[in-house]
N, C-alpha and C. Protein backbone atom coordinates (compact mmCIF):
# COMPACT_ATOMS: atom_id res chain seq x y z
N UNK A 1 62.99 -9.69 28.39
CA UNK A 1 63.68 -9.41 27.39
C UNK A 1 64.04 -10.22 26.36
N UNK A 2 64.04 -11.64 26.30
CA UNK A 2 64.51 -12.46 25.87
C UNK A 2 63.08 -12.82 24.76
N UNK A 3 62.21 -12.94 25.07
CA UNK A 3 61.17 -13.02 24.26
C UNK A 3 60.97 -11.76 23.01
N UNK A 4 61.28 -10.68 23.43
CA UNK A 4 61.37 -9.57 22.58
C UNK A 4 62.38 -9.57 21.94
N UNK A 5 63.69 -10.24 22.40
CA UNK A 5 64.67 -10.51 21.12
C UNK A 5 64.61 -11.37 20.24
N UNK A 6 63.84 -12.86 20.70
CA UNK A 6 63.56 -13.42 19.84
C UNK A 6 62.58 -13.20 18.84
N UNK A 7 61.73 -12.31 19.42
CA UNK A 7 60.69 -11.75 18.09
C UNK A 7 61.28 -10.79 17.12
N UNK A 8 62.27 -10.06 17.73
CA UNK A 8 63.01 -9.04 16.50
C UNK A 8 63.90 -10.09 15.80
N UNK A 9 64.55 -11.38 16.46
CA UNK A 9 65.04 -12.15 15.44
C UNK A 9 64.36 -12.70 14.36
N UNK A 10 63.30 -13.05 14.58
CA UNK A 10 62.29 -13.81 13.73
C UNK A 10 61.75 -12.78 12.75
N UNK A 11 61.34 -11.62 13.20
CA UNK A 11 61.16 -10.49 11.89
C UNK A 11 62.23 -9.97 11.39
N UNK A 12 63.48 -9.83 11.74
CA UNK A 12 64.47 -9.55 10.83
C UNK A 12 65.16 -10.66 10.21
N UNK A 13 64.68 -11.66 10.30
CA UNK A 13 65.19 -13.09 9.29
C UNK A 13 64.05 -13.68 8.75
N UNK A 14 62.89 -13.26 8.65
CA UNK A 14 61.63 -14.00 8.16
C UNK A 14 61.69 -13.51 6.54
N UNK A 15 61.61 -14.79 6.13
CA UNK A 15 61.66 -15.08 4.55
C UNK A 15 63.12 -14.56 3.94
N UNK A 16 63.99 -15.00 4.79
CA UNK A 16 65.26 -14.56 4.25
C UNK A 16 65.71 -15.20 2.97
N UNK A 17 65.44 -16.49 2.79
CA UNK A 17 65.51 -17.30 1.64
C UNK A 17 64.64 -16.72 0.45
N UNK A 18 63.63 -16.05 0.66
CA UNK A 18 62.79 -15.62 -0.22
C UNK A 18 63.43 -14.48 -0.88
N UNK A 19 63.97 -13.60 0.33
CA UNK A 19 64.68 -12.33 -0.17
C UNK A 19 66.24 -12.56 -0.92
N UNK A 20 66.72 -13.62 -0.70
CA UNK A 20 67.88 -13.87 -1.34
C UNK A 20 67.51 -14.06 -2.79
N UNK A 21 66.42 -14.85 -3.36
CA UNK A 21 66.18 -15.16 -4.33
C UNK A 21 65.83 -13.83 -5.15
N UNK A 22 64.94 -13.14 -4.54
CA UNK A 22 64.51 -12.11 -5.18
C UNK A 22 65.91 -10.83 -5.40
N UNK A 23 66.41 -10.82 -4.46
CA UNK A 23 67.69 -9.77 -4.68
C UNK A 23 68.84 -10.55 -5.76
N UNK A 24 68.79 -11.67 -5.93
CA UNK A 24 69.98 -12.26 -6.78
C UNK A 24 69.31 -11.88 -8.16
N UNK A 25 67.85 -12.28 -8.20
CA UNK A 25 67.45 -12.06 -9.55
C UNK A 25 66.47 -10.66 -10.06
N UNK A 26 66.75 -10.00 -9.16
CA UNK A 26 65.85 -8.55 -9.63
C UNK A 26 66.69 -7.46 -9.47
N UNK A 27 66.25 -6.37 -9.23
CA UNK A 27 66.91 -4.95 -9.32
C UNK A 27 68.38 -4.95 -8.84
N UNK A 28 68.51 -5.66 -7.41
CA UNK A 28 69.91 -5.53 -6.87
C UNK A 28 70.84 -6.32 -7.54
N UNK A 29 70.62 -6.99 -8.31
CA UNK A 29 71.70 -7.69 -9.26
C UNK A 29 71.83 -7.10 -10.54
N UNK A 30 71.00 -5.92 -10.69
CA UNK A 30 71.48 -5.18 -11.87
C UNK A 30 71.70 -3.62 -11.90
N UNK A 31 71.53 -3.07 -10.69
CA UNK A 31 71.57 -2.19 -10.16
C UNK A 31 73.15 -1.60 -10.50
N UNK A 32 74.08 -2.08 -10.47
CA UNK A 32 75.55 -1.27 -10.90
C UNK A 32 76.15 -2.73 -11.57
N UNK A 33 77.46 -2.09 -12.41
CA UNK A 33 78.16 -3.06 -13.07
C UNK A 33 78.86 -3.88 -11.98
N UNK A 34 79.19 -5.29 -12.60
CA UNK A 34 80.01 -6.13 -11.98
C UNK A 34 79.39 -6.58 -10.36
N UNK A 35 77.98 -6.66 -10.25
CA UNK A 35 77.54 -6.95 -9.09
C UNK A 35 77.76 -8.46 -8.89
N UNK A 36 78.00 -9.34 -7.87
CA UNK A 36 78.37 -10.47 -7.43
C UNK A 36 77.45 -10.72 -6.43
N UNK A 37 77.25 -12.37 -6.09
CA UNK A 37 76.39 -12.64 -4.85
C UNK A 37 77.35 -13.83 -4.65
N UNK A 38 77.56 -13.98 -3.38
CA UNK A 38 78.16 -15.09 -2.30
C UNK A 38 77.79 -15.55 -1.55
N UNK A 39 77.26 -16.89 -1.35
CA UNK A 39 76.44 -17.32 -0.45
C UNK A 39 77.05 -18.33 0.39
N UNK A 40 76.85 -17.95 1.86
CA UNK A 40 77.20 -18.90 3.05
C UNK A 40 76.14 -19.31 3.52
N UNK A 41 76.30 -20.25 4.60
CA UNK A 41 74.88 -21.11 5.16
C UNK A 41 74.01 -20.08 5.72
N UNK A 42 74.71 -18.85 6.39
CA UNK A 42 73.87 -17.87 6.91
C UNK A 42 73.57 -16.44 6.09
N UNK A 43 74.30 -16.21 5.05
CA UNK A 43 74.28 -15.09 4.50
C UNK A 43 74.38 -15.31 2.91
N UNK A 44 73.84 -14.52 1.96
CA UNK A 44 73.63 -14.34 0.67
C UNK A 44 74.32 -12.90 0.52
N UNK A 45 75.71 -12.55 0.30
CA UNK A 45 76.54 -11.31 0.32
C UNK A 45 75.84 -10.85 -1.16
N UNK A 46 76.01 -9.59 -1.25
CA UNK A 46 75.89 -8.87 -2.53
C UNK A 46 77.33 -8.12 -2.52
N UNK A 47 77.93 -7.96 -3.72
CA UNK A 47 79.36 -7.40 -3.38
C UNK A 47 79.68 -7.09 -4.97
N UNK A 48 80.67 -6.28 -5.00
CA UNK A 48 81.32 -5.83 -6.34
C UNK A 48 82.87 -5.91 -6.28
N UNK A 49 83.46 -6.63 -7.61
CA UNK A 49 84.74 -6.69 -7.38
C UNK A 49 85.33 -5.64 -8.90
N UNK A 50 86.21 -4.81 -8.60
CA UNK A 50 86.59 -4.08 -9.77
C UNK A 50 88.14 -3.72 -9.53
N UNK A 51 88.90 -3.77 -10.47
CA UNK A 51 90.35 -3.35 -10.83
C UNK A 51 91.49 -4.53 -10.68
N UNK A 52 92.74 -4.55 -10.46
CA UNK A 52 93.56 -5.47 -10.14
C UNK A 52 94.96 -4.65 -9.40
N UNK A 53 95.43 -5.48 -8.45
CA UNK A 53 96.62 -5.15 -7.91
C UNK A 53 96.10 -5.58 -6.58
N UNK A 54 96.83 -5.19 -5.43
CA UNK A 54 96.63 -5.44 -3.99
C UNK A 54 95.00 -5.27 -3.67
N UNK A 55 94.57 -6.47 -2.87
CA UNK A 55 93.28 -6.43 -2.59
C UNK A 55 92.61 -5.17 -1.34
N UNK A 56 91.71 -4.64 -1.49
CA UNK A 56 91.41 -3.48 -0.81
C UNK A 56 89.69 -3.51 -0.43
N UNK A 57 89.13 -4.20 0.40
CA UNK A 57 87.82 -4.28 0.82
C UNK A 57 87.29 -3.40 1.64
N UNK A 58 86.13 -2.79 1.17
CA UNK A 58 85.34 -2.35 1.73
C UNK A 58 83.92 -2.56 2.24
N UNK A 59 83.36 -2.53 3.69
CA UNK A 59 82.25 -3.00 3.81
C UNK A 59 81.48 -1.66 4.25
N UNK A 60 80.27 -1.91 3.19
CA UNK A 60 79.29 -0.76 2.92
C UNK A 60 78.92 -0.61 4.41
N UNK A 61 78.78 0.78 4.70
CA UNK A 61 78.56 1.59 6.02
C UNK A 61 77.09 1.57 6.05
N UNK A 62 75.95 0.77 6.67
CA UNK A 62 74.72 0.85 6.36
C UNK A 62 74.22 2.36 6.96
N UNK A 63 73.18 2.91 6.64
CA UNK A 63 72.08 2.35 5.48
C UNK A 63 72.96 2.40 4.12
N UNK A 64 74.23 2.53 3.65
CA UNK A 64 74.58 2.74 2.32
C UNK A 64 74.82 1.52 1.67
N UNK A 65 74.60 1.61 0.22
CA UNK A 65 74.44 0.25 -0.65
C UNK A 65 75.58 0.37 -1.26
N UNK A 66 76.19 -0.85 -2.07
CA UNK A 66 77.05 -0.90 -3.10
C UNK A 66 77.25 0.37 -3.59
N UNK A 67 75.83 0.89 -4.27
CA UNK A 67 75.66 2.01 -5.27
C UNK A 67 76.42 3.34 -4.64
N UNK A 68 76.57 3.27 -3.34
CA UNK A 68 77.28 4.58 -2.45
C UNK A 68 78.80 4.88 -2.74
N UNK A 69 79.29 3.71 -3.40
CA UNK A 69 80.59 3.55 -3.31
C UNK A 69 81.20 3.62 -4.76
N UNK A 70 80.84 4.05 -5.46
CA UNK A 70 81.04 4.27 -7.19
C UNK A 70 82.26 5.01 -7.19
N UNK A 71 82.36 6.30 -6.27
CA UNK A 71 83.42 7.37 -6.63
C UNK A 71 84.67 6.59 -6.13
N UNK A 72 84.42 5.87 -4.62
CA UNK A 72 85.73 5.18 -4.06
C UNK A 72 86.38 4.15 -5.05
N UNK A 73 85.41 3.41 -5.55
CA UNK A 73 85.81 2.37 -6.71
C UNK A 73 86.58 2.99 -7.80
N UNK A 74 86.20 4.02 -8.25
CA UNK A 74 86.68 4.84 -9.53
C UNK A 74 88.05 5.10 -8.78
N UNK A 75 88.09 5.92 -7.78
CA UNK A 75 89.51 6.35 -7.32
C UNK A 75 90.57 5.26 -7.18
N UNK A 76 90.16 4.38 -6.74
CA UNK A 76 91.00 2.94 -6.00
C UNK A 76 91.48 2.08 -7.12
N UNK A 77 90.31 1.80 -8.16
CA UNK A 77 90.50 0.50 -8.69
C UNK A 77 91.86 0.83 -9.52
N UNK A 78 92.35 1.82 -10.30
CA UNK A 78 93.40 1.80 -11.08
C UNK A 78 94.76 1.33 -10.38
N UNK A 79 94.64 1.04 -8.80
CA UNK A 79 95.76 0.60 -8.01
C UNK A 79 95.41 -0.69 -7.45
N UNK A 80 94.12 -0.85 -7.09
CA UNK A 80 93.95 -1.93 -6.26
C UNK A 80 92.69 -2.82 -6.85
N UNK A 81 92.76 -3.84 -6.44
CA UNK A 81 91.56 -5.04 -6.67
C UNK A 81 90.58 -4.51 -5.69
N UNK A 82 89.70 -3.90 -5.93
CA UNK A 82 88.75 -3.07 -4.99
C UNK A 82 87.56 -4.17 -4.73
N UNK A 83 87.24 -4.45 -3.47
CA UNK A 83 85.84 -5.20 -3.09
C UNK A 83 85.39 -4.20 -2.42
N UNK A 84 83.78 -4.33 -2.50
CA UNK A 84 82.77 -3.71 -1.77
C UNK A 84 81.71 -4.55 -1.58
N UNK A 85 81.61 -4.90 -0.13
CA UNK A 85 80.16 -5.73 0.00
C UNK A 85 79.15 -5.33 1.03
N UNK A 86 78.26 -5.50 0.95
CA UNK A 86 77.23 -5.37 2.12
C UNK A 86 77.18 -6.56 3.19
N UNK A 87 77.26 -6.03 4.56
CA UNK A 87 77.28 -6.98 5.75
C UNK A 87 75.95 -7.69 5.74
N UNK A 88 76.16 -8.54 6.59
CA UNK A 88 74.66 -9.51 6.37
C UNK A 88 73.65 -8.68 7.25
N UNK A 89 72.42 -8.98 6.61
CA UNK A 89 71.38 -8.18 7.05
C UNK A 89 71.09 -6.75 6.76
N UNK A 90 72.42 -6.14 6.01
CA UNK A 90 72.24 -4.81 5.39
C UNK A 90 72.28 -4.82 4.10
N UNK A 91 71.70 -3.82 3.43
CA UNK A 91 71.52 -3.41 2.15
C UNK A 91 70.51 -4.50 1.43
N UNK A 92 71.33 -5.31 0.39
CA UNK A 92 70.81 -6.39 -0.34
C UNK A 92 71.57 -7.52 0.03
N UNK A 93 72.26 -7.67 1.36
CA UNK A 93 73.11 -9.18 1.47
C UNK A 93 71.66 -9.75 2.77
N UNK A 94 71.03 -10.50 2.21
CA UNK A 94 69.89 -11.29 2.89
C UNK A 94 70.63 -12.41 3.87
N UNK A 95 69.93 -12.61 4.98
CA UNK A 95 70.31 -13.71 5.96
C UNK A 95 69.31 -14.68 6.13
N UNK A 96 69.61 -16.03 6.34
CA UNK A 96 68.79 -17.12 6.41
C UNK A 96 67.92 -16.93 8.17
N UNK A 97 67.34 -17.92 8.38
CA UNK A 97 66.84 -17.96 9.46
C UNK A 97 67.61 -18.23 10.69
N UNK A 98 68.53 -18.80 10.46
CA UNK A 98 69.75 -19.36 11.56
C UNK A 98 70.65 -18.22 11.93
N UNK A 99 70.44 -16.86 11.29
CA UNK A 99 71.43 -15.64 11.42
C UNK A 99 70.96 -14.99 12.91
N UNK A 100 71.85 -14.93 13.97
CA UNK A 100 71.52 -14.35 15.31
C UNK A 100 72.12 -12.76 15.41
N UNK A 101 72.46 -12.13 14.80
CA UNK A 101 73.29 -11.25 14.82
C UNK A 101 74.07 -11.04 15.87
N UNK A 102 74.84 -12.28 15.88
CA UNK A 102 76.05 -12.32 16.99
C UNK A 102 77.43 -11.69 16.82
N UNK A 103 77.96 -11.22 17.17
CA UNK A 103 79.12 -10.61 17.23
C UNK A 103 79.86 -11.57 16.37
N UNK A 104 80.58 -12.61 16.91
CA UNK A 104 81.52 -13.53 16.64
C UNK A 104 81.13 -14.37 15.63
N UNK A 105 79.52 -14.56 15.53
CA UNK A 105 79.07 -15.41 14.27
C UNK A 105 79.04 -14.45 13.04
N UNK A 106 78.69 -13.40 13.37
CA UNK A 106 78.74 -12.26 12.17
C UNK A 106 80.20 -12.03 11.84
N UNK A 107 81.22 -12.03 12.52
CA UNK A 107 82.65 -11.91 11.93
C UNK A 107 83.13 -13.34 11.07
N UNK A 108 82.66 -14.61 11.74
CA UNK A 108 83.05 -15.80 11.24
C UNK A 108 82.59 -15.82 9.61
N UNK A 109 81.46 -15.28 9.90
CA UNK A 109 80.83 -15.29 8.35
C UNK A 109 81.32 -14.52 7.33
N UNK A 110 81.45 -13.48 7.74
CA UNK A 110 82.44 -12.40 6.91
C UNK A 110 83.85 -13.25 6.74
N UNK A 111 84.31 -13.72 7.48
CA UNK A 111 85.81 -14.29 7.08
C UNK A 111 85.07 -15.17 6.01
N UNK A 112 84.47 -16.00 6.12
CA UNK A 112 84.45 -17.09 5.18
C UNK A 112 84.21 -16.29 3.71
N UNK A 113 83.42 -15.15 3.64
CA UNK A 113 83.34 -14.46 2.57
C UNK A 113 84.61 -13.76 1.89
N UNK A 114 85.35 -13.23 3.08
CA UNK A 114 86.87 -12.49 2.88
C UNK A 114 87.53 -13.91 2.16
N UNK A 115 87.77 -14.85 2.91
CA UNK A 115 88.57 -16.28 2.34
C UNK A 115 88.36 -16.23 0.75
N UNK A 116 87.10 -16.58 0.68
CA UNK A 116 86.91 -17.18 -0.62
C UNK A 116 86.72 -16.09 -1.94
N UNK A 117 86.19 -14.66 -1.49
CA UNK A 117 86.09 -13.71 -2.59
C UNK A 117 87.27 -12.93 -2.70
N UNK A 118 88.02 -12.30 -1.24
CA UNK A 118 89.15 -11.58 -1.57
C UNK A 118 90.34 -12.30 -1.50
N UNK A 119 90.39 -13.40 -0.75
CA UNK A 119 91.47 -14.27 -0.44
C UNK A 119 92.35 -13.77 0.80
N UNK A 120 93.55 -14.15 0.58
CA UNK A 120 94.39 -13.83 1.75
C UNK A 120 95.06 -12.49 1.87
N UNK A 121 95.58 -11.76 2.83
CA UNK A 121 96.31 -10.72 2.53
C UNK A 121 95.70 -9.49 2.44
N UNK A 122 94.31 -9.11 2.30
CA UNK A 122 93.65 -8.22 2.08
C UNK A 122 93.88 -7.03 2.92
N UNK A 123 93.59 -5.72 2.29
CA UNK A 123 93.64 -4.44 3.07
C UNK A 123 92.13 -4.86 3.55
N UNK A 124 91.75 -4.51 4.52
CA UNK A 124 90.32 -3.93 5.41
C UNK A 124 89.82 -2.70 5.57
N UNK A 125 89.08 -1.91 4.72
CA UNK A 125 88.64 -0.58 4.89
C UNK A 125 87.37 -0.30 5.64
N UNK A 126 87.04 -0.82 6.79
CA UNK A 126 85.92 -0.67 7.30
C UNK A 126 85.43 0.26 8.31
N UNK A 127 84.34 0.73 8.58
CA UNK A 127 83.91 1.77 8.73
C UNK A 127 83.06 1.68 9.90
N UNK A 128 83.10 2.87 10.79
CA UNK A 128 82.14 2.78 11.95
C UNK A 128 82.21 1.37 12.73
N UNK A 129 80.72 0.63 13.23
CA UNK A 129 80.90 -0.55 13.96
C UNK A 129 81.42 -1.55 13.18
N UNK A 130 81.38 -1.99 11.89
CA UNK A 130 82.28 -2.60 11.06
C UNK A 130 83.63 -3.01 11.36
N UNK A 131 84.52 -1.67 11.69
CA UNK A 131 85.72 -1.59 12.07
C UNK A 131 85.76 -2.51 13.39
N UNK A 132 85.10 -2.83 13.99
CA UNK A 132 85.36 -3.90 15.33
C UNK A 132 85.36 -5.17 14.75
N UNK A 133 84.81 -5.55 13.64
CA UNK A 133 84.71 -6.60 12.92
C UNK A 133 86.21 -6.87 12.36
N UNK A 134 86.51 -5.81 11.40
CA UNK A 134 88.03 -5.80 10.90
C UNK A 134 88.93 -6.14 12.23
N UNK A 135 88.77 -5.61 13.07
CA UNK A 135 89.81 -5.44 14.12
C UNK A 135 89.85 -6.90 14.75
N UNK A 136 88.71 -7.40 14.95
CA UNK A 136 88.54 -9.02 15.44
C UNK A 136 89.00 -9.86 14.69
N UNK A 137 88.89 -9.86 13.18
CA UNK A 137 89.47 -10.93 11.81
C UNK A 137 90.90 -10.50 12.08
N UNK A 138 91.35 -9.45 12.25
CA UNK A 138 92.78 -9.34 12.20
C UNK A 138 93.65 -9.92 13.02
N UNK A 139 93.00 -10.06 14.34
CA UNK A 139 93.51 -10.89 15.74
C UNK A 139 93.06 -12.30 15.50
N UNK A 140 91.89 -12.95 14.77
CA UNK A 140 91.82 -14.24 14.95
C UNK A 140 92.05 -14.83 13.85
N UNK A 141 92.03 -14.24 12.84
CA UNK A 141 92.30 -14.60 11.26
C UNK A 141 93.29 -13.82 10.51
N UNK A 142 94.54 -13.71 11.08
CA UNK A 142 95.45 -12.76 10.85
C UNK A 142 95.75 -12.93 9.25
N UNK A 143 95.82 -14.46 8.68
CA UNK A 143 96.04 -14.79 7.26
C UNK A 143 95.14 -13.79 6.52
N UNK A 144 93.95 -13.28 6.71
CA UNK A 144 93.15 -12.59 5.69
C UNK A 144 93.46 -11.44 5.69
N UNK A 145 94.44 -10.80 6.73
CA UNK A 145 94.37 -9.04 6.58
C UNK A 145 95.73 -9.10 6.54
N UNK A 146 96.14 -7.81 5.94
CA UNK A 146 97.74 -7.42 5.73
C UNK A 146 97.52 -6.14 6.59
N UNK A 147 96.50 -5.17 6.58
CA UNK A 147 96.60 -4.08 6.58
C UNK A 147 94.93 -3.54 7.24
N UNK A 148 94.74 -2.58 8.01
CA UNK A 148 93.36 -1.90 8.35
C UNK A 148 93.44 -0.64 8.14
N UNK A 149 92.25 -0.43 7.70
CA UNK A 149 92.04 1.36 7.47
C UNK A 149 90.81 1.38 8.42
N UNK A 150 90.79 1.87 9.34
CA UNK A 150 89.48 2.03 10.42
C UNK A 150 89.09 3.48 10.37
N UNK A 151 87.88 3.49 9.69
CA UNK A 151 86.99 4.55 9.35
C UNK A 151 86.02 4.69 10.30
N UNK A 152 86.10 6.29 11.11
CA UNK A 152 85.19 6.41 11.96
C UNK A 152 84.75 5.23 13.17
N UNK A 153 85.84 4.49 13.36
CA UNK A 153 85.74 3.37 14.29
C UNK A 153 86.50 3.92 15.69
N UNK A 154 85.64 3.56 16.55
CA UNK A 154 85.76 4.06 18.26
C UNK A 154 85.99 2.63 18.92
N UNK A 155 86.41 2.71 19.69
CA UNK A 155 86.24 1.57 20.94
C UNK A 155 85.24 1.19 21.42
N UNK A 156 84.60 0.29 22.21
CA UNK A 156 83.43 -0.02 22.73
C UNK A 156 83.11 0.98 23.61
N UNK A 157 83.52 1.59 24.39
CA UNK A 157 83.23 2.85 25.39
C UNK A 157 82.76 3.99 24.38
N UNK A 158 83.57 4.12 23.35
CA UNK A 158 82.87 5.27 22.49
C UNK A 158 81.65 4.98 21.77
N UNK A 159 81.69 3.39 21.46
CA UNK A 159 80.18 3.41 20.82
C UNK A 159 79.22 3.24 21.79
N UNK A 160 79.38 3.01 22.89
CA UNK A 160 78.43 3.22 24.18
C UNK A 160 77.90 4.51 24.45
N UNK A 161 78.99 5.62 24.53
CA UNK A 161 78.68 6.82 24.48
C UNK A 161 77.57 7.43 23.21
N UNK A 162 78.09 7.16 21.69
CA UNK A 162 77.19 7.46 20.73
C UNK A 162 75.89 6.49 20.79
N UNK A 163 75.70 5.47 21.26
CA UNK A 163 74.48 5.00 21.16
C UNK A 163 73.28 5.76 22.17
N UNK A 164 74.07 6.11 23.59
CA UNK A 164 73.43 6.72 24.45
C UNK A 164 72.87 7.96 24.21
N UNK A 165 73.76 8.76 23.28
CA UNK A 165 73.29 10.04 22.48
C UNK A 165 71.89 9.81 21.74
N UNK A 166 72.08 8.62 21.10
CA UNK A 166 71.10 8.57 19.73
C UNK A 166 69.95 7.74 20.26
N UNK A 167 69.96 7.21 21.48
CA UNK A 167 69.01 6.20 22.11
C UNK A 167 69.07 6.60 23.60
N UNK A 168 68.54 7.93 23.85
CA UNK A 168 68.52 8.26 25.34
C UNK A 168 67.64 7.68 26.52
N UNK A 169 66.61 6.95 25.88
CA UNK A 169 65.52 6.42 26.40
C UNK A 169 65.61 4.92 26.44
N UNK A 170 66.71 4.49 25.60
CA UNK A 170 66.70 3.03 25.50
C UNK A 170 65.79 2.40 24.43
N UNK A 171 64.83 2.96 23.65
CA UNK A 171 63.87 2.39 23.18
C UNK A 171 64.54 1.51 21.60
N UNK A 172 65.53 2.14 20.93
CA UNK A 172 66.26 1.29 20.02
C UNK A 172 66.93 0.13 20.71
N UNK A 173 67.53 0.18 21.87
CA UNK A 173 67.97 -1.14 22.11
C UNK A 173 67.20 -2.20 22.35
N UNK A 174 65.91 -1.78 22.45
CA UNK A 174 64.99 -2.80 22.73
C UNK A 174 64.51 -3.91 21.43
């Protein structure tokens, strides 16, 4: 299983730096107004910031991209500084070959993005699996999080049930 995992990592991160340049200079940079890019050693995040007031951060729920959040941005931006970003290796947030899809590595990278782009005390509105990231960050980096809105987020046992229903043969898990 280790060899398959390593091959999967190579395939998923192959040409990450090329993708970063292509996304930053191509269609993903101009598909929506106010698109920005933020770079960590592992990820080039694609995001939008609209409005003013308390900061409300949405993590785009894959396979959705920033463009699917126009309605939420429109609804919340009169009252909040709304940030929507695409998670590492999702949408047009490309990752480097050093990225390993590790829970804590990912969360620490997201924390770096939040610290520099959102600032302290943000309201995190993360959905599905990203909700576990939000809970982890609220526990380990409480200065970044003032409140949580967990949308379609369950616990680890709930995700195991969800996964078993969608991958009964264990094919996707490999």
